[in-house]
N, C-alpha and C. Protein backbone atom coordinates (compact mmCIF):
# COMPACT_ATOMS: atom_id res chain seq x y z
N UNK A 1 76.66 123.01 76.43
CA UNK A 1 78.02 122.70 76.86
C UNK A 1 78.29 121.23 76.60
N UNK A 2 79.55 120.95 76.30
CA UNK A 2 79.98 119.58 76.08
C UNK A 2 81.27 119.34 76.86
N UNK A 3 81.45 118.13 77.36
CA UNK A 3 82.66 117.75 78.08
C UNK A 3 83.78 117.48 77.08
N UNK A 4 84.97 118.01 77.34
CA UNK A 4 86.12 117.73 76.47
C UNK A 4 86.60 116.30 76.68
N UNK A 5 86.95 115.64 75.59
CA UNK A 5 87.51 114.29 75.65
C UNK A 5 89.01 114.37 75.91
N UNK A 6 89.61 113.21 76.16
CA UNK A 6 91.05 113.17 76.38
C UNK A 6 91.82 113.76 75.20
N UNK A 7 91.39 113.46 73.99
CA UNK A 7 92.05 113.98 72.79
C UNK A 7 91.95 115.52 72.73
N UNK A 8 90.78 116.06 73.08
CA UNK A 8 90.59 117.52 73.07
C UNK A 8 91.41 118.19 74.17
N UNK A 9 91.50 117.54 75.34
CA UNK A 9 92.31 118.09 76.44
C UNK A 9 93.78 118.15 76.03
N UNK A 10 94.26 117.11 75.38
CA UNK A 10 95.65 117.09 74.92
C UNK A 10 95.90 118.23 73.93
N UNK A 11 94.97 118.45 73.01
CA UNK A 11 95.11 119.55 72.04
C UNK A 11 95.15 120.90 72.74
N UNK A 12 94.26 121.11 73.71
CA UNK A 12 94.24 122.38 74.45
C UNK A 12 95.51 122.54 75.28
N UNK A 13 96.00 121.45 75.85
CA UNK A 13 97.22 121.52 76.66
C UNK A 13 98.40 121.95 75.81
N UNK A 14 98.44 121.51 74.56
CA UNK A 14 99.51 121.92 73.65
C UNK A 14 99.49 123.44 73.43
N UNK A 15 98.34 124.05 73.65
CA UNK A 15 98.19 125.51 73.51
C UNK A 15 98.46 126.22 74.84
N UNK A 16 98.93 125.47 75.86
CA UNK A 16 99.32 126.09 77.13
C UNK A 16 98.27 126.08 78.22
N UNK A 17 97.23 125.27 78.10
CA UNK A 17 96.16 125.27 79.10
C UNK A 17 96.62 124.67 80.44
N UNK A 18 97.55 123.71 80.42
CA UNK A 18 98.03 123.05 81.64
C UNK A 18 99.54 122.88 81.54
N UNK A 19 100.27 123.38 82.56
CA UNK A 19 101.73 123.25 82.61
C UNK A 19 102.18 122.93 84.03
N UNK A 20 102.98 121.93 84.29
CA UNK A 20 103.37 120.85 83.40
C UNK A 20 102.18 119.96 83.09
N UNK A 21 102.31 119.18 82.03
CA UNK A 21 101.20 118.38 81.52
C UNK A 21 101.62 116.94 81.34
N UNK A 22 100.81 116.00 81.84
CA UNK A 22 101.05 114.57 81.64
C UNK A 22 99.99 114.07 80.65
N UNK A 23 100.40 113.71 79.45
CA UNK A 23 99.47 113.34 78.37
C UNK A 23 98.87 111.95 78.54
N UNK A 24 99.33 111.21 79.54
CA UNK A 24 98.74 109.90 79.83
C UNK A 24 98.48 109.82 81.34
N UNK A 25 97.72 108.84 81.74
CA UNK A 25 97.46 108.62 83.16
C UNK A 25 98.69 107.94 83.78
N UNK A 26 99.32 108.60 84.75
CA UNK A 26 100.50 108.09 85.43
C UNK A 26 100.05 107.42 86.74
N UNK A 27 100.36 106.14 86.88
CA UNK A 27 99.95 105.38 88.06
C UNK A 27 101.14 104.84 88.85
N UNK A 28 102.34 105.02 88.28
CA UNK A 28 103.54 104.48 88.88
C UNK A 28 104.72 105.36 88.51
N UNK A 29 105.61 105.59 89.49
CA UNK A 29 106.83 106.36 89.23
C UNK A 29 107.98 105.55 89.82
N UNK A 30 108.96 105.25 88.97
CA UNK A 30 110.14 104.48 89.39
C UNK A 30 109.74 103.18 90.09
N UNK A 31 108.73 102.49 89.55
CA UNK A 31 108.30 101.22 90.10
C UNK A 31 107.44 101.32 91.36
N UNK A 32 107.14 102.54 91.80
CA UNK A 32 106.34 102.74 93.01
C UNK A 32 104.95 103.24 92.62
N UNK A 33 103.89 102.60 93.15
CA UNK A 33 102.52 103.02 92.84
C UNK A 33 102.25 104.38 93.46
N UNK A 34 101.56 105.23 92.69
CA UNK A 34 101.16 106.56 93.16
C UNK A 34 99.67 106.76 92.89
N UNK A 35 99.09 107.73 93.59
CA UNK A 35 97.71 108.11 93.30
C UNK A 35 97.75 108.80 91.94
N UNK A 36 97.02 108.26 90.99
CA UNK A 36 97.17 108.63 89.58
C UNK A 36 96.96 110.11 89.30
N UNK A 37 97.63 110.56 88.22
CA UNK A 37 97.50 111.92 87.73
C UNK A 37 97.68 111.91 86.22
N UNK A 38 97.30 113.00 85.57
CA UNK A 38 97.42 113.12 84.12
C UNK A 38 96.07 113.00 83.44
N UNK A 39 96.09 112.87 82.12
CA UNK A 39 94.87 112.83 81.33
C UNK A 39 94.09 111.56 81.64
N UNK A 40 92.78 111.72 81.80
CA UNK A 40 91.87 110.58 81.92
C UNK A 40 90.89 110.66 80.76
N UNK A 41 89.90 109.82 80.72
CA UNK A 41 88.98 109.77 79.57
C UNK A 41 88.35 111.13 79.25
N UNK A 42 87.85 111.80 80.27
CA UNK A 42 87.17 113.09 80.07
C UNK A 42 87.60 114.11 81.10
N UNK A 43 88.86 114.13 81.45
CA UNK A 43 89.33 115.09 82.43
C UNK A 43 90.82 115.03 82.61
N UNK A 44 91.29 115.75 83.60
CA UNK A 44 92.71 115.78 83.92
C UNK A 44 92.85 115.69 85.44
N UNK A 45 93.60 114.72 85.91
CA UNK A 45 93.84 114.55 87.34
C UNK A 45 95.07 115.36 87.72
N UNK A 46 94.81 116.44 88.48
CA UNK A 46 95.91 117.32 88.89
C UNK A 46 96.54 116.81 90.18
N UNK A 47 97.77 117.30 90.41
CA UNK A 47 98.55 116.91 91.59
C UNK A 47 98.64 118.08 92.56
N UNK A 48 99.10 117.77 93.77
CA UNK A 48 99.37 118.84 94.74
C UNK A 48 100.87 118.90 95.02
N UNK A 49 101.32 120.11 95.32
CA UNK A 49 102.73 120.32 95.63
C UNK A 49 102.99 119.88 97.07
N UNK A 50 104.19 120.13 97.55
CA UNK A 50 104.56 119.74 98.91
C UNK A 50 104.39 120.87 99.91
N UNK A 51 103.65 121.93 99.52
CA UNK A 51 103.39 123.06 100.42
C UNK A 51 101.97 122.94 100.96
N UNK A 52 101.84 123.00 102.29
CA UNK A 52 100.53 122.85 102.92
C UNK A 52 100.33 123.93 103.99
N UNK A 53 99.09 124.27 104.21
CA UNK A 53 98.69 125.08 105.35
C UNK A 53 97.67 124.24 106.11
N UNK A 54 98.05 123.78 107.30
CA UNK A 54 97.20 122.90 108.09
C UNK A 54 96.42 123.74 109.09
N UNK A 55 95.10 123.58 109.08
CA UNK A 55 94.24 124.35 109.97
C UNK A 55 94.44 123.90 111.41
N UNK A 56 94.52 124.87 112.30
CA UNK A 56 94.63 124.59 113.73
C UNK A 56 93.77 125.60 114.47
N UNK A 57 93.28 125.19 115.61
CA UNK A 57 92.46 126.10 116.40
C UNK A 57 93.13 126.43 117.72
N UNK A 58 94.45 126.47 117.74
CA UNK A 58 95.16 126.77 118.99
C UNK A 58 94.87 128.18 119.49
N UNK A 59 94.49 129.07 118.61
CA UNK A 59 94.20 130.45 119.00
C UNK A 59 92.73 130.68 119.32
N UNK A 60 91.91 129.61 119.26
CA UNK A 60 90.47 129.71 119.50
C UNK A 60 89.84 130.81 118.67
N UNK A 61 90.25 130.93 117.43
CA UNK A 61 89.72 131.94 116.53
C UNK A 61 88.36 131.52 115.99
N UNK A 62 87.67 132.47 115.43
CA UNK A 62 86.44 132.22 114.70
C UNK A 62 86.80 132.23 113.23
N UNK A 63 86.30 131.27 112.47
CA UNK A 63 86.57 131.24 111.04
C UNK A 63 85.66 132.27 110.37
N UNK A 64 86.26 133.30 109.83
CA UNK A 64 85.51 134.40 109.22
C UNK A 64 86.11 134.69 107.84
N UNK A 65 85.39 134.36 106.75
CA UNK A 65 85.95 134.60 105.42
C UNK A 65 86.20 136.08 105.11
N UNK A 66 85.56 136.98 105.85
CA UNK A 66 85.78 138.41 105.63
C UNK A 66 86.97 138.94 106.42
N UNK A 67 87.39 138.19 107.41
CA UNK A 67 88.51 138.62 108.26
C UNK A 67 89.24 137.38 108.75
N UNK A 68 89.85 136.67 107.81
CA UNK A 68 90.47 135.40 108.16
C UNK A 68 91.80 135.60 108.85
N UNK A 69 91.99 134.92 109.95
CA UNK A 69 93.21 135.02 110.74
C UNK A 69 94.24 134.02 110.21
N UNK A 70 95.31 134.52 109.60
CA UNK A 70 96.36 133.66 109.04
C UNK A 70 97.01 132.77 110.10
N UNK A 71 96.91 133.17 111.38
CA UNK A 71 97.48 132.37 112.46
C UNK A 71 96.67 131.09 112.70
N UNK A 72 95.58 130.92 111.97
CA UNK A 72 94.78 129.70 112.09
C UNK A 72 95.42 128.54 111.34
N UNK A 73 96.51 128.81 110.62
CA UNK A 73 97.20 127.76 109.87
C UNK A 73 98.62 127.59 110.36
N UNK A 74 99.10 126.36 110.22
CA UNK A 74 100.50 126.04 110.43
C UNK A 74 101.07 125.69 109.06
N UNK A 75 102.13 126.37 108.64
CA UNK A 75 102.76 126.07 107.35
C UNK A 75 103.58 124.79 107.48
N UNK A 76 103.51 123.97 106.44
CA UNK A 76 104.24 122.71 106.43
C UNK A 76 104.69 122.40 105.02
N UNK A 77 105.94 121.93 104.87
CA UNK A 77 106.47 121.47 103.59
C UNK A 77 106.95 120.04 103.79
N UNK A 78 106.49 119.14 102.91
CA UNK A 78 106.93 117.75 103.02
C UNK A 78 106.24 116.85 102.01
N UNK A 79 106.74 115.64 101.88
CA UNK A 79 106.18 114.67 100.93
C UNK A 79 104.84 114.11 101.38
N UNK A 80 104.59 114.12 102.69
CA UNK A 80 103.34 113.62 103.25
C UNK A 80 102.84 114.64 104.26
N UNK A 81 101.57 114.99 104.16
CA UNK A 81 100.94 115.91 105.11
C UNK A 81 99.94 115.11 105.93
N UNK A 82 99.98 115.26 107.24
CA UNK A 82 99.02 114.61 108.12
C UNK A 82 97.98 115.66 108.52
N UNK A 83 96.72 115.39 108.15
CA UNK A 83 95.63 116.29 108.53
C UNK A 83 95.02 115.76 109.82
N UNK A 84 94.92 116.62 110.84
CA UNK A 84 94.32 116.17 112.10
C UNK A 84 92.87 115.71 111.89
N UNK A 85 92.35 114.90 112.84
CA UNK A 85 90.95 114.46 112.75
C UNK A 85 89.99 115.64 112.66
N UNK A 86 88.97 115.50 111.84
CA UNK A 86 87.92 116.52 111.69
C UNK A 86 88.49 117.91 111.42
N UNK A 87 89.54 117.98 110.64
CA UNK A 87 90.17 119.25 110.30
C UNK A 87 90.41 119.29 108.80
N UNK A 88 91.22 120.25 108.35
CA UNK A 88 91.50 120.35 106.92
C UNK A 88 92.84 121.02 106.71
N UNK A 89 93.28 121.00 105.47
CA UNK A 89 94.48 121.74 105.08
C UNK A 89 94.23 122.37 103.73
N UNK A 90 95.06 123.32 103.38
CA UNK A 90 95.08 123.90 102.05
C UNK A 90 96.36 123.44 101.37
N UNK A 91 96.28 123.24 100.08
CA UNK A 91 97.45 122.88 99.29
C UNK A 91 97.33 123.61 97.95
N UNK A 92 98.38 123.56 97.16
CA UNK A 92 98.29 124.16 95.83
C UNK A 92 98.67 123.13 94.79
N UNK A 93 98.14 123.32 93.61
CA UNK A 93 98.42 122.40 92.52
C UNK A 93 99.86 122.55 92.04
N UNK A 94 100.37 121.48 91.47
CA UNK A 94 101.66 121.53 90.78
C UNK A 94 101.45 122.18 89.41
N UNK A 95 100.30 121.90 88.82
CA UNK A 95 99.98 122.42 87.49
C UNK A 95 99.51 123.88 87.55
N UNK A 96 99.93 124.63 86.56
CA UNK A 96 99.46 125.99 86.35
C UNK A 96 98.44 125.91 85.23
N UNK A 97 97.26 126.46 85.46
CA UNK A 97 96.17 126.38 84.48
C UNK A 97 95.93 127.74 83.83
N UNK A 98 95.68 127.74 82.53
CA UNK A 98 95.24 128.92 81.78
C UNK A 98 93.97 128.49 81.05
N UNK A 99 92.85 128.86 81.61
CA UNK A 99 91.57 128.40 81.07
C UNK A 99 91.15 129.29 79.90
N UNK A 100 90.87 128.69 78.74
CA UNK A 100 90.42 129.48 77.59
C UNK A 100 89.05 130.12 77.84
N UNK A 101 88.73 131.11 77.06
CA UNK A 101 87.49 131.88 77.22
C UNK A 101 86.24 131.04 76.97
N UNK A 102 86.36 129.95 76.23
CA UNK A 102 85.19 129.12 75.93
C UNK A 102 85.10 127.87 76.81
N UNK A 103 85.87 127.84 77.90
CA UNK A 103 85.92 126.66 78.78
C UNK A 103 85.58 127.05 80.22
N UNK A 104 84.85 126.16 80.89
CA UNK A 104 84.59 126.23 82.33
C UNK A 104 84.97 124.87 82.89
N UNK A 105 85.53 124.83 84.08
CA UNK A 105 85.87 123.53 84.66
C UNK A 105 85.08 123.28 85.93
N UNK A 106 84.93 122.01 86.23
CA UNK A 106 84.40 121.54 87.50
C UNK A 106 85.45 120.60 88.06
N UNK A 107 85.72 120.69 89.35
CA UNK A 107 86.71 119.82 89.98
C UNK A 107 86.03 118.92 91.00
N UNK A 108 86.44 117.69 91.00
CA UNK A 108 85.93 116.73 91.98
C UNK A 108 87.10 115.96 92.56
N UNK A 109 86.96 115.54 93.80
CA UNK A 109 88.02 114.79 94.46
C UNK A 109 88.18 113.41 93.86
N UNK A 110 89.37 112.86 93.99
CA UNK A 110 89.64 111.51 93.49
C UNK A 110 89.01 110.48 94.43
N UNK A 111 88.51 109.41 93.84
CA UNK A 111 87.79 108.40 94.62
C UNK A 111 88.68 107.69 95.64
N UNK A 112 89.98 107.59 95.37
CA UNK A 112 90.89 106.96 96.33
C UNK A 112 90.84 107.68 97.67
N UNK A 113 90.86 109.01 97.64
CA UNK A 113 90.76 109.78 98.88
C UNK A 113 89.34 109.75 99.43
N UNK A 114 88.34 109.90 98.58
CA UNK A 114 86.94 109.92 99.03
C UNK A 114 86.59 108.65 99.80
N UNK A 115 87.13 107.52 99.37
CA UNK A 115 86.84 106.24 100.04
C UNK A 115 87.49 106.16 101.42
N UNK A 116 88.35 107.13 101.72
CA UNK A 116 88.99 107.19 103.04
C UNK A 116 88.38 108.29 103.91
N UNK A 117 87.31 108.92 103.44
CA UNK A 117 86.69 110.00 104.21
C UNK A 117 87.40 111.33 104.06
N UNK A 118 88.20 111.44 103.00
CA UNK A 118 88.94 112.67 102.73
C UNK A 118 88.26 113.36 101.56
N UNK A 119 87.78 114.56 101.80
CA UNK A 119 87.00 115.30 100.81
C UNK A 119 87.85 116.44 100.25
N UNK A 120 87.84 116.56 98.92
CA UNK A 120 88.58 117.62 98.24
C UNK A 120 87.57 118.64 97.73
N UNK A 121 87.81 119.91 98.07
CA UNK A 121 86.91 120.97 97.63
C UNK A 121 87.70 121.97 96.80
N UNK A 122 87.32 122.10 95.55
CA UNK A 122 87.92 123.07 94.64
C UNK A 122 86.76 123.74 93.91
N UNK A 123 86.81 125.04 93.79
CA UNK A 123 85.76 125.74 93.06
C UNK A 123 86.02 125.67 91.56
N UNK A 124 85.02 125.96 90.73
CA UNK A 124 85.23 125.92 89.28
C UNK A 124 86.31 126.91 88.85
N UNK A 125 86.99 126.59 87.75
CA UNK A 125 87.92 127.55 87.13
C UNK A 125 87.10 128.23 86.05
N UNK A 126 86.90 129.51 86.19
CA UNK A 126 86.08 130.25 85.24
C UNK A 126 86.84 130.53 83.94
N UNK A 127 86.10 130.86 82.88
CA UNK A 127 86.75 131.22 81.62
C UNK A 127 87.79 132.33 81.82
N UNK A 128 88.99 132.11 81.30
CA UNK A 128 90.14 133.01 81.36
C UNK A 128 90.72 133.21 82.75
N UNK A 129 90.39 132.30 83.68
CA UNK A 129 91.12 132.29 84.95
C UNK A 129 92.45 131.60 84.69
N UNK A 130 93.49 132.04 85.39
CA UNK A 130 94.75 131.33 85.32
C UNK A 130 95.48 131.42 86.64
N UNK A 131 96.28 130.39 86.91
CA UNK A 131 97.07 130.36 88.13
C UNK A 131 97.24 128.94 88.65
N UNK A 132 97.91 128.86 89.79
CA UNK A 132 97.99 127.60 90.52
C UNK A 132 96.72 127.50 91.35
N UNK A 133 96.18 126.31 91.47
CA UNK A 133 94.91 126.11 92.16
C UNK A 133 95.16 125.94 93.66
N UNK A 134 94.40 126.66 94.47
CA UNK A 134 94.38 126.43 95.91
C UNK A 134 93.28 125.41 96.18
N UNK A 135 93.65 124.35 96.88
CA UNK A 135 92.78 123.19 97.09
C UNK A 135 92.56 123.02 98.59
N UNK A 136 91.30 122.80 98.98
CA UNK A 136 90.98 122.51 100.38
C UNK A 136 90.75 121.02 100.50
N UNK A 137 91.42 120.39 101.47
CA UNK A 137 91.32 118.95 101.68
C UNK A 137 90.85 118.73 103.11
N UNK A 138 89.64 118.15 103.26
CA UNK A 138 89.05 117.94 104.59
C UNK A 138 89.18 116.49 105.01
N UNK A 139 89.55 116.31 106.26
CA UNK A 139 89.57 114.99 106.88
C UNK A 139 88.29 114.88 107.70
N UNK A 140 87.33 114.13 107.21
CA UNK A 140 86.03 114.00 107.91
C UNK A 140 86.04 112.88 108.94
N UNK A 141 87.17 112.21 109.11
CA UNK A 141 87.24 111.06 110.01
C UNK A 141 87.72 111.47 111.40
N UNK A 142 87.54 110.59 112.39
CA UNK A 142 88.05 110.86 113.74
C UNK A 142 89.52 110.47 113.91
N UNK A 143 90.18 110.12 112.79
CA UNK A 143 91.59 109.71 112.81
C UNK A 143 92.44 110.65 111.97
N UNK A 144 93.74 110.75 112.22
CA UNK A 144 94.61 111.53 111.33
C UNK A 144 94.59 110.93 109.92
N UNK A 145 94.77 111.77 108.91
CA UNK A 145 94.72 111.32 107.51
C UNK A 145 95.98 111.77 106.77
N UNK A 146 96.53 110.89 105.92
CA UNK A 146 97.73 111.20 105.13
C UNK A 146 97.33 111.70 103.75
N UNK A 147 98.03 112.74 103.31
CA UNK A 147 97.89 113.28 101.96
C UNK A 147 99.28 113.25 101.34
N UNK A 148 99.35 112.80 100.09
CA UNK A 148 100.65 112.62 99.43
C UNK A 148 100.93 113.73 98.43
N UNK A 149 102.03 114.43 98.64
CA UNK A 149 102.47 115.47 97.71
C UNK A 149 102.93 114.83 96.40
N UNK A 150 102.86 115.58 95.33
CA UNK A 150 103.33 115.18 94.00
C UNK A 150 102.54 114.01 93.41
N UNK A 151 101.33 113.79 93.94
CA UNK A 151 100.46 112.75 93.42
C UNK A 151 99.08 113.35 93.15
N UNK A 152 98.21 112.57 92.51
CA UNK A 152 96.88 113.06 92.15
C UNK A 152 96.05 113.43 93.36
N UNK A 153 95.23 114.49 93.21
CA UNK A 153 94.35 114.93 94.30
C UNK A 153 92.92 115.16 93.82
N UNK A 154 92.74 115.67 92.60
CA UNK A 154 91.39 115.99 92.11
C UNK A 154 91.34 115.88 90.60
N UNK A 155 90.17 115.58 90.08
CA UNK A 155 89.98 115.52 88.63
C UNK A 155 89.31 116.82 88.16
N UNK A 156 89.88 117.40 87.14
CA UNK A 156 89.33 118.61 86.53
C UNK A 156 88.58 118.17 85.27
N UNK A 157 87.31 118.52 85.21
CA UNK A 157 86.47 118.21 84.05
C UNK A 157 86.28 119.52 83.29
N UNK A 158 86.57 119.50 81.99
CA UNK A 158 86.53 120.69 81.16
C UNK A 158 85.24 120.71 80.34
N UNK A 159 84.48 121.78 80.47
CA UNK A 159 83.23 121.94 79.73
C UNK A 159 83.42 123.03 78.69
N UNK A 160 83.15 122.69 77.42
CA UNK A 160 83.27 123.66 76.33
C UNK A 160 81.90 124.27 76.08
N UNK A 161 81.85 125.59 76.13
CA UNK A 161 80.60 126.32 75.93
C UNK A 161 80.22 126.34 74.46
N UNK A 162 78.92 126.44 74.20
CA UNK A 162 78.42 126.57 72.83
C UNK A 162 78.77 127.94 72.25
N UNK A 163 78.90 128.93 73.14
CA UNK A 163 79.32 130.26 72.71
C UNK A 163 80.24 130.84 73.78
N UNK A 164 81.05 131.81 73.39
CA UNK A 164 82.01 132.43 74.30
C UNK A 164 81.27 133.33 75.29
N UNK A 165 81.71 133.32 76.55
CA UNK A 165 81.05 134.14 77.58
C UNK A 165 81.23 135.63 77.29
N UNK A 166 80.30 136.42 77.78
CA UNK A 166 80.37 137.87 77.58
C UNK A 166 81.43 138.49 78.48
N UNK A 167 81.50 138.02 79.74
CA UNK A 167 82.47 138.56 80.70
C UNK A 167 83.24 137.41 81.32
N UNK A 168 84.54 137.37 81.11
CA UNK A 168 85.38 136.31 81.67
C UNK A 168 85.92 136.72 83.03
N UNK A 169 86.57 135.78 83.71
CA UNK A 169 87.20 136.06 85.00
C UNK A 169 88.25 137.15 84.85
N UNK A 170 89.01 137.11 83.77
CA UNK A 170 90.02 138.14 83.52
C UNK A 170 89.37 139.50 83.30
N UNK A 171 88.25 139.53 82.56
CA UNK A 171 87.54 140.79 82.33
C UNK A 171 87.08 141.42 83.64
N UNK A 172 86.66 140.57 84.59
CA UNK A 172 86.17 141.04 85.90
C UNK A 172 87.30 141.48 86.81
N UNK A 173 88.55 141.15 86.44
CA UNK A 173 89.68 141.43 87.32
C UNK A 173 89.58 140.60 88.59
N UNK A 174 89.25 139.32 88.44
CA UNK A 174 89.06 138.42 89.58
C UNK A 174 90.20 138.45 90.58
N UNK A 175 89.85 138.40 91.86
CA UNK A 175 90.84 138.55 92.94
C UNK A 175 91.84 137.39 93.05
N UNK A 176 91.52 136.24 92.46
CA UNK A 176 92.44 135.11 92.51
C UNK A 176 93.14 134.87 91.16
N UNK A 177 93.07 135.87 90.28
CA UNK A 177 93.69 135.75 88.96
C UNK A 177 95.21 135.69 89.09
N UNK A 178 95.81 134.75 88.37
CA UNK A 178 97.27 134.56 88.30
C UNK A 178 97.90 134.31 89.66
N UNK A 179 97.18 133.62 90.55
CA UNK A 179 97.76 133.33 91.87
C UNK A 179 98.93 132.38 91.71
N UNK A 180 100.01 132.72 92.37
CA UNK A 180 101.24 131.93 92.27
C UNK A 180 101.47 131.10 93.53
N UNK A 181 100.88 131.54 94.62
CA UNK A 181 101.10 130.89 95.91
C UNK A 181 99.82 130.27 96.41
N UNK A 182 99.94 129.50 97.46
CA UNK A 182 98.80 128.97 98.17
C UNK A 182 98.09 130.21 98.75
N UNK A 183 96.87 130.46 98.31
CA UNK A 183 96.21 131.74 98.59
C UNK A 183 95.07 131.60 99.59
N UNK A 184 95.11 132.41 100.64
CA UNK A 184 94.06 132.43 101.65
C UNK A 184 92.87 133.27 101.15
N UNK A 185 91.72 133.21 101.87
CA UNK A 185 90.56 133.98 101.43
C UNK A 185 90.85 135.47 101.31
N UNK A 186 90.28 136.09 100.28
CA UNK A 186 90.43 137.54 100.06
C UNK A 186 89.04 138.15 99.90
N UNK A 187 88.94 139.41 100.19
CA UNK A 187 87.70 140.15 99.90
C UNK A 187 87.96 141.15 98.80
């Protein structure tokens, strides 16, 4: 496997791999500094939309991935999301991804957030997965944490395989294929 360069990412994006697509690193909008997004040297910094699901334990539920209680979240729409101390929220990407059959991605949180104790967890995008990305953002601090909509949240690193996979995510009929909304756990 080899990591795609900025030039290769731009070529793949022209084929519909990322929509909308920023071909350069955007660090400022209308004279205002933002957490960067767009193409970087060997990856793509994706953004989050203004839709959030903030975790709450008002119902004293048990977190069970096989039987997740949707009432454990409070829906929120806004330019800034405040994550309670030692809690998390879910968000979705602004970008829609269509991963080619010969590509696998790894996502890592942006260092700007990491330096504030905010951890971003995104699973790999498998070959031929497509959709909006559901992103988990954890506040590991004892203080409330701000997350900014329409700005960078995580870097996607694209790995090109030496050969095409035998079974892609689409072939498996993956449960998160073509997700359009912020998606909760499914079985």
